[in-house]
Structures are given as structure tokens and as C-alpha cells.
PDB file of all heavy atoms in Angstrom:
ATOM      1  N   ILE A   1      17.198  47.850 -17.499  1.00  0.00           N
ATOM      2  CA  ILE A   1      16.705  49.205 -17.279  1.00  0.00           C
ATOM      3  C   ILE A   1      17.306  49.760 -15.995  1.00  0.00           C
ATOM      4  O   ILE A   1      17.868  49.014 -15.195  1.00  0.00           O
ATOM      5  CB  ILE A   1      15.165  49.263 -17.188  1.00  0.00           C
ATOM      6  CG1 ILE A   1      14.667  48.485 -15.963  1.00  0.00           C
ATOM      7  CG2 ILE A   1      14.514  48.767 -18.462  1.00  0.00           C
ATOM      8  CD1 ILE A   1      13.234  48.779 -15.589  1.00  0.00           C
ATOM      9  N   THR A   2      17.144  51.030 -15.806  1.00  0.00           N
ATOM     10  CA  THR A   2      17.491  51.669 -14.545  1.00  0.00           C
ATOM     11  C   THR A   2      16.185  52.101 -13.909  1.00  0.00           C
ATOM     12  O   THR A   2      15.353  52.729 -14.559  1.00  0.00           O
ATOM     13  CB  THR A   2      18.398  52.888 -14.781  1.00  0.00           C
ATOM     14  OG1 THR A   2      19.584  52.443 -15.419  1.00  0.00           O
ATOM     15  CG2 THR A   2      18.742  53.562 -13.477  1.00  0.00           C
ATOM     16  N   ILE A   3      15.994  51.757 -12.649  1.00  0.00           N
ATOM     17  CA  ILE A   3      14.758  52.094 -11.946  1.00  0.00           C
ATOM     18  C   ILE A   3      15.121  52.502 -10.520  1.00  0.00           C
ATOM     19  O   ILE A   3      16.032  51.964  -9.925  1.00  0.00           O
ATOM     20  CB  ILE A   3      13.786  50.888 -11.941  1.00  0.00           C
ATOM     21  CG1 ILE A   3      12.453  51.241 -11.315  1.00  0.00           C
ATOM     22  CG2 ILE A   3      14.403  49.681 -11.291  1.00  0.00           C
ATOM     23  CD1 ILE A   3      11.399  50.160 -11.487  1.00  0.00           C
ATOM     24  N   ARG A   4      14.408  53.462 -10.001  1.00  0.00           N
ATOM     25  CA  ARG A   4      14.635  53.900  -8.621  1.00  0.00           C
ATOM     26  C   ARG A   4      13.535  53.321  -7.749  1.00  0.00           C
ATOM     27  O   ARG A   4      12.351  53.534  -7.991  1.00  0.00           O
ATOM     28  CB  ARG A   4      14.634  55.419  -8.538  1.00  0.00           C
ATOM     29  CG  ARG A   4      15.781  56.042  -9.290  1.00  0.00           C
ATOM     30  CD  ARG A   4      15.799  57.552  -9.095  1.00  0.00           C
ATOM     31  NE  ARG A   4      16.796  58.158  -9.919  1.00  0.00           N
ATOM     32  CZ  ARG A   4      18.087  58.296  -9.581  1.00  0.00           C
ATOM     33  NH1 ARG A   4      18.508  57.851  -8.432  1.00  0.00           N
ATOM     34  NH2 ARG A   4      18.926  58.871 -10.403  1.00  0.00           N
ATOM     35  N   LEU A   5      13.951  52.563  -6.724  1.00  0.00           N
ATOM     36  CA  LEU A   5      13.016  51.959  -5.788  1.00  0.00           C
ATOM     37  C   LEU A   5      13.317  52.475  -4.388  1.00  0.00           C
ATOM     38  O   LEU A   5      14.450  52.833  -4.084  1.00  0.00           O
ATOM     39  CB  LEU A   5      13.159  50.431  -5.803  1.00  0.00           C
ATOM     40  CG  LEU A   5      12.891  49.744  -7.138  1.00  0.00           C
ATOM     41  CD1 LEU A   5      13.230  48.269  -7.036  1.00  0.00           C
ATOM     42  CD2 LEU A   5      11.449  49.938  -7.561  1.00  0.00           C
ATOM     43  N   ASP A   6      12.312  52.490  -3.545  1.00  0.00           N
ATOM     44  CA  ASP A   6      12.510  52.888  -2.150  1.00  0.00           C
ATOM     45  C   ASP A   6      13.489  51.928  -1.483  1.00  0.00           C
ATOM     46  O   ASP A   6      13.482  50.720  -1.756  1.00  0.00           O
ATOM     47  CB  ASP A   6      11.191  52.849  -1.378  1.00  0.00           C
ATOM     48  CG  ASP A   6      10.203  53.901  -1.850  1.00  0.00           C
ATOM     49  OD1 ASP A   6      10.631  54.849  -2.519  1.00  0.00           O
ATOM     50  OD2 ASP A   6       9.013  53.754  -1.532  1.00  0.00           O
ATOM     51  N   ASN A   7      14.280  52.456  -0.570  1.00  0.00           N
ATOM     52  CA  ASN A   7      15.219  51.623   0.180  1.00  0.00           C
ATOM     53  C   ASN A   7      14.495  50.514   0.926  1.00  0.00           C
ATOM     54  O   ASN A   7      14.989  49.388   1.015  1.00  0.00           O
ATOM     55  CB  ASN A   7      16.034  52.461   1.155  1.00  0.00           C
ATOM     56  CG  ASN A   7      17.006  53.371   0.444  1.00  0.00           C
ATOM     57  OD1 ASN A   7      17.417  53.107  -0.679  1.00  0.00           O
ATOM     58  ND2 ASN A   7      17.389  54.447   1.101  1.00  0.00           N
ATOM     59  N   ALA A   8      13.324  50.825   1.460  1.00  0.00           N
ATOM     60  CA  ALA A   8      12.559  49.820   2.202  1.00  0.00           C
ATOM     61  C   ALA A   8      12.157  48.644   1.304  1.00  0.00           C
ATOM     62  O   ALA A   8      12.141  47.494   1.744  1.00  0.00           O
ATOM     63  CB  ALA A   8      11.319  50.454   2.830  1.00  0.00           C
ATOM     64  N   VAL A   9      11.837  48.931   0.053  1.00  0.00           N
ATOM     65  CA  VAL A   9      11.470  47.873  -0.894  1.00  0.00           C
ATOM     66  C   VAL A   9      12.683  46.981  -1.158  1.00  0.00           C
ATOM     67  O   VAL A   9      12.597  45.743  -1.084  1.00  0.00           O
ATOM     68  CB  VAL A   9      10.931  48.469  -2.221  1.00  0.00           C
ATOM     69  CG1 VAL A   9      10.754  47.393  -3.281  1.00  0.00           C
ATOM     70  CG2 VAL A   9       9.624  49.207  -1.974  1.00  0.00           C
ATOM     71  N   LEU A  10      13.819  47.592  -1.448  1.00  0.00           N
ATOM     72  CA  LEU A  10      15.037  46.816  -1.687  1.00  0.00           C
ATOM     73  C   LEU A  10      15.426  46.011  -0.456  1.00  0.00           C
ATOM     74  O   LEU A  10      15.789  44.834  -0.569  1.00  0.00           O
ATOM     75  CB  LEU A  10      16.188  47.735  -2.102  1.00  0.00           C
ATOM     76  CG  LEU A  10      16.088  48.321  -3.501  1.00  0.00           C
ATOM     77  CD1 LEU A  10      17.219  49.309  -3.728  1.00  0.00           C
ATOM     78  CD2 LEU A  10      16.095  47.239  -4.546  1.00  0.00           C
ATOM     79  N   ASP A  11      15.350  46.636   0.703  1.00  0.00           N
ATOM     80  CA  ASP A  11      15.697  45.940   1.945  1.00  0.00           C
ATOM     81  C   ASP A  11      14.818  44.705   2.149  1.00  0.00           C
ATOM     82  O   ASP A  11      15.298  43.651   2.555  1.00  0.00           O
ATOM     83  CB  ASP A  11      15.562  46.864   3.155  1.00  0.00           C
ATOM     84  CG  ASP A  11      16.623  47.953   3.178  1.00  0.00           C
ATOM     85  OD1 ASP A  11      17.639  47.829   2.454  1.00  0.00           O
ATOM     86  OD2 ASP A  11      16.423  48.941   3.923  1.00  0.00           O
ATOM     87  N   HIS A  12      13.533  44.853   1.845  1.00  0.00           N
ATOM     88  CA  HIS A  12      12.600  43.734   1.997  1.00  0.00           C
ATOM     89  C   HIS A  12      13.026  42.541   1.132  1.00  0.00           C
ATOM     90  O   HIS A  12      13.114  41.409   1.611  1.00  0.00           O
ATOM     91  CB  HIS A  12      11.183  44.178   1.616  1.00  0.00           C
ATOM     92  CG  HIS A  12      10.214  43.049   1.497  1.00  0.00           C
ATOM     93  ND1 HIS A  12       9.632  42.454   2.585  1.00  0.00           N
ATOM     94  CD2 HIS A  12       9.757  42.393   0.405  1.00  0.00           C
ATOM     95  CE1 HIS A  12       8.833  41.485   2.174  1.00  0.00           C
ATOM     96  NE2 HIS A  12       8.903  41.422   0.860  1.00  0.00           N
ATOM     97  N   PHE A  13      13.280  42.795  -0.145  1.00  0.00           N
ATOM     98  CA  PHE A  13      13.633  41.704  -1.050  1.00  0.00           C
ATOM     99  C   PHE A  13      15.029  41.148  -0.758  1.00  0.00           C
ATOM    100  O   PHE A  13      15.237  39.939  -0.842  1.00  0.00           O
ATOM    101  CB  PHE A  13      13.507  42.156  -2.507  1.00  0.00           C
ATOM    102  CG  PHE A  13      12.072  42.247  -2.954  1.00  0.00           C
ATOM    103  CD1 PHE A  13      11.427  43.469  -3.012  1.00  0.00           C
ATOM    104  CD2 PHE A  13      11.360  41.114  -3.297  1.00  0.00           C
ATOM    105  CE1 PHE A  13      10.097  43.557  -3.403  1.00  0.00           C
ATOM    106  CE2 PHE A  13      10.032  41.183  -3.694  1.00  0.00           C
ATOM    107  CZ  PHE A  13       9.395  42.412  -3.740  1.00  0.00           C
ATOM    108  N   ARG A  14      15.961  41.994  -0.394  1.00  0.00           N
ATOM    109  CA  ARG A  14      17.300  41.519  -0.028  1.00  0.00           C
ATOM    110  C   ARG A  14      17.229  40.649   1.225  1.00  0.00           C
ATOM    111  O   ARG A  14      17.930  39.644   1.326  1.00  0.00           O
ATOM    112  CB  ARG A  14      18.236  42.697   0.172  1.00  0.00           C
ATOM    113  CG  ARG A  14      18.631  43.349  -1.130  1.00  0.00           C
ATOM    114  CD  ARG A  14      19.485  44.574  -0.897  1.00  0.00           C
ATOM    115  NE  ARG A  14      19.940  45.136  -2.160  1.00  0.00           N
ATOM    116  CZ  ARG A  14      20.304  46.390  -2.334  1.00  0.00           C
ATOM    117  NH1 ARG A  14      20.268  47.241  -1.309  1.00  0.00           N
ATOM    118  NH2 ARG A  14      20.709  46.809  -3.500  1.00  0.00           N
ATOM    119  N   LYS A  15      16.375  41.026   2.167  1.00  0.00           N
ATOM    120  CA  LYS A  15      16.213  40.243   3.398  1.00  0.00           C
ATOM    121  C   LYS A  15      15.633  38.871   3.069  1.00  0.00           C
ATOM    122  O   LYS A  15      16.064  37.863   3.626  1.00  0.00           O
ATOM    123  CB  LYS A  15      15.302  40.999   4.374  1.00  0.00           C
ATOM    124  CG  LYS A  15      15.123  40.314   5.698  1.00  0.00           C
ATOM    125  CD  LYS A  15      14.259  41.145   6.624  1.00  0.00           C
ATOM    126  CE  LYS A  15      14.030  40.419   7.938  1.00  0.00           C
ATOM    127  NZ  LYS A  15      13.141  41.178   8.827  1.00  0.00           N
ATOM    128  N   GLN A  16      14.670  38.831   2.156  1.00  0.00           N
ATOM    129  CA  GLN A  16      14.092  37.551   1.758  1.00  0.00           C
ATOM    130  C   GLN A  16      15.152  36.631   1.150  1.00  0.00           C
ATOM    131  O   GLN A  16      15.189  35.439   1.438  1.00  0.00           O
ATOM    132  CB  GLN A  16      12.957  37.751   0.753  1.00  0.00           C
ATOM    133  CG  GLN A  16      11.676  38.230   1.375  1.00  0.00           C
ATOM    134  CD  GLN A  16      10.538  38.244   0.385  1.00  0.00           C
ATOM    135  OE1 GLN A  16      10.736  38.420  -0.823  1.00  0.00           O
ATOM    136  NE2 GLN A  16       9.333  38.052   0.874  1.00  0.00           N
ATOM    137  N   VAL A  17      16.017  37.196   0.308  1.00  0.00           N
ATOM    138  CA  VAL A  17      17.092  36.423  -0.303  1.00  0.00           C
ATOM    139  C   VAL A  17      18.047  35.914   0.774  1.00  0.00           C
ATOM    140  O   VAL A  17      18.453  34.750   0.773  1.00  0.00           O
ATOM    141  CB  VAL A  17      17.848  37.257  -1.362  1.00  0.00           C
ATOM    142  CG1 VAL A  17      19.158  36.606  -1.754  1.00  0.00           C
ATOM    143  CG2 VAL A  17      16.986  37.481  -2.586  1.00  0.00           C
ATOM    144  N   HIS A  18      18.379  36.778   1.713  1.00  0.00           N
ATOM    145  CA  HIS A  18      19.288  36.398   2.796  1.00  0.00           C
ATOM    146  C   HIS A  18      18.691  35.268   3.637  1.00  0.00           C
ATOM    147  O   HIS A  18      19.367  34.290   3.956  1.00  0.00           O
ATOM    148  CB  HIS A  18      19.602  37.614   3.672  1.00  0.00           C
ATOM    149  CG  HIS A  18      20.516  37.309   4.810  1.00  0.00           C
ATOM    150  ND1 HIS A  18      21.857  37.049   4.631  1.00  0.00           N
ATOM    151  CD2 HIS A  18      20.267  37.201   6.143  1.00  0.00           C
ATOM    152  CE1 HIS A  18      22.396  36.784   5.814  1.00  0.00           C
ATOM    153  NE2 HIS A  18      21.454  36.884   6.746  1.00  0.00           N
ATOM    154  N   GLN A  19      17.406  35.393   3.971  1.00  0.00           N
ATOM    155  CA  GLN A  19      16.736  34.370   4.787  1.00  0.00           C
ATOM    156  C   GLN A  19      16.635  33.038   4.037  1.00  0.00           C
ATOM    157  O   GLN A  19      16.641  31.980   4.651  1.00  0.00           O
ATOM    158  CB  GLN A  19      15.352  34.836   5.210  1.00  0.00           C
ATOM    159  CG  GLN A  19      15.380  35.937   6.255  1.00  0.00           C
ATOM    160  CD  GLN A  19      14.001  36.509   6.567  1.00  0.00           C
ATOM    161  OE1 GLN A  19      13.048  36.329   5.813  1.00  0.00           O
ATOM    162  NE2 GLN A  19      13.918  37.214   7.672  1.00  0.00           N
ATOM    163  N   ALA A  20      16.541  33.111   2.710  1.00  0.00           N
ATOM    164  CA  ALA A  20      16.453  31.893   1.906  1.00  0.00           C
ATOM    165  C   ALA A  20      17.821  31.245   1.711  1.00  0.00           C
ATOM    166  O   ALA A  20      17.920  30.152   1.170  1.00  0.00           O
ATOM    167  CB  ALA A  20      15.825  32.204   0.549  1.00  0.00           C
ATOM    168  N   GLY A  21      18.867  31.946   2.115  1.00  0.00           N
ATOM    169  CA  GLY A  21      20.208  31.392   1.987  1.00  0.00           C
ATOM    170  C   GLY A  21      20.868  31.676   0.656  1.00  0.00           C
ATOM    171  O   GLY A  21      21.860  31.056   0.295  1.00  0.00           O
ATOM    172  N   GLY A  22      20.307  32.611  -0.091  1.00  0.00           N
ATOM    173  CA  GLY A  22      20.906  32.987  -1.367  1.00  0.00           C
ATOM    174  C   GLY A  22      19.858  33.183  -2.427  1.00  0.00           C
ATOM    175  O   GLY A  22      18.681  32.888  -2.230  1.00  0.00           O
ATOM    176  N   GLY A  23      20.283  33.681  -3.534  1.00  0.00           N
ATOM    177  CA  GLY A  23      19.388  33.948  -4.645  1.00  0.00           C
ATOM    178  C   GLY A  23      19.636  35.340  -5.178  1.00  0.00           C
ATOM    179  O   GLY A  23      20.698  35.923  -4.962  1.00  0.00           O
ATOM    180  N   ASN A  24      18.650  35.870  -5.866  1.00  0.00           N
ATOM    181  CA  ASN A  24      18.784  37.165  -6.501  1.00  0.00           C
ATOM    182  C   ASN A  24      17.566  38.014  -6.178  1.00  0.00           C
ATOM    183  O   ASN A  24      16.439  37.649  -6.523  1.00  0.00           O
ATOM    184  CB  ASN A  24      18.919  36.977  -8.022  1.00  0.00           C
ATOM    185  CG  ASN A  24      19.199  38.254  -8.753  1.00  0.00           C
ATOM    186  OD1 ASN A  24      18.713  39.323  -8.393  1.00  0.00           O
ATOM    187  ND2 ASN A  24      19.980  38.155  -9.810  1.00  0.00           N
ATOM    188  N   TYR A  25      17.776  39.124  -5.502  1.00  0.00           N
ATOM    189  CA  TYR A  25      16.653  39.979  -5.111  1.00  0.00           C
ATOM    190  C   TYR A  25      15.932  40.552  -6.330  1.00  0.00           C
ATOM    191  O   TYR A  25      14.728  40.781  -6.303  1.00  0.00           O
ATOM    192  CB  TYR A  25      17.101  41.093  -4.159  1.00  0.00           C
ATOM    193  CG  TYR A  25      17.882  42.206  -4.802  1.00  0.00           C
ATOM    194  CD1 TYR A  25      17.246  43.343  -5.263  1.00  0.00           C
ATOM    195  CD2 TYR A  25      19.258  42.126  -4.967  1.00  0.00           C
ATOM    196  CE1 TYR A  25      17.944  44.368  -5.864  1.00  0.00           C
ATOM    197  CE2 TYR A  25      19.968  43.137  -5.556  1.00  0.00           C
ATOM    198  CZ  TYR A  25      19.315  44.260  -6.002  1.00  0.00           C
ATOM    199  OH  TYR A  25      20.012  45.262  -6.607  1.00  0.00           O
ATOM    200  N   GLN A  26      16.663  40.753  -7.423  1.00  0.00           N
ATOM    201  CA  GLN A  26      16.025  41.279  -8.630  1.00  0.00           C
ATOM    202  C   GLN A  26      15.027  40.272  -9.199  1.00  0.00           C
ATOM    203  O   GLN A  26      13.964  40.648  -9.686  1.00  0.00           O
ATOM    204  CB  GLN A  26      17.080  41.646  -9.670  1.00  0.00           C
ATOM    205  CG  GLN A  26      17.936  42.808  -9.239  1.00  0.00           C
ATOM    206  CD  GLN A  26      19.092  43.067 -10.189  1.00  0.00           C
ATOM    207  OE1 GLN A  26      19.521  42.177 -10.924  1.00  0.00           O
ATOM    208  NE2 GLN A  26      19.607  44.280 -10.155  1.00  0.00           N
ATOM    209  N   THR A  27      15.365  38.998  -9.113  1.00  0.00           N
ATOM    210  CA  THR A  27      14.440  37.953  -9.564  1.00  0.00           C
ATOM    211  C   THR A  27      13.177  37.961  -8.714  1.00  0.00           C
ATOM    212  O   THR A  27      12.066  37.823  -9.239  1.00  0.00           O
ATOM    213  CB  THR A  27      15.125  36.571  -9.493  1.00  0.00           C
ATOM    214  OG1 THR A  27      16.273  36.593 -10.344  1.00  0.00           O
ATOM    215  CG2 THR A  27      14.196  35.469  -9.931  1.00  0.00           C
ATOM    216  N   LEU A  28      13.332  38.154  -7.406  1.00  0.00           N
ATOM    217  CA  LEU A  28      12.158  38.216  -6.525  1.00  0.00           C
ATOM    218  C   LEU A  28      11.273  39.404  -6.862  1.00  0.00           C
ATOM    219  O   LEU A  28      10.044  39.294  -6.851  1.00  0.00           O
ATOM    220  CB  LEU A  28      12.587  38.292  -5.064  1.00  0.00           C
ATOM    221  CG  LEU A  28      13.224  37.044  -4.463  1.00  0.00           C
ATOM    222  CD1 LEU A  28      13.560  37.277  -2.997  1.00  0.00           C
ATOM    223  CD2 LEU A  28      12.308  35.852  -4.605  1.00  0.00           C
TER     224      LEU A  28
END
């Protein structure tokens, strides 16, 4: 699907993936 999320939401999940050393923010 296509969904619009706030930048802050995406940043949060991308940061979690980065801190974990990898993964997929979409899965989170």
C-alpha cells in the first residue's frame, strides 16, 4: 500500500533500526 506518515514517526522507527544495527523500519 501507499501510506503517508509523519516525518517524526518515520524518523523514530528508522532510528530504532539504526541503533539495532540494521533491520527494516517497515517491519517495526
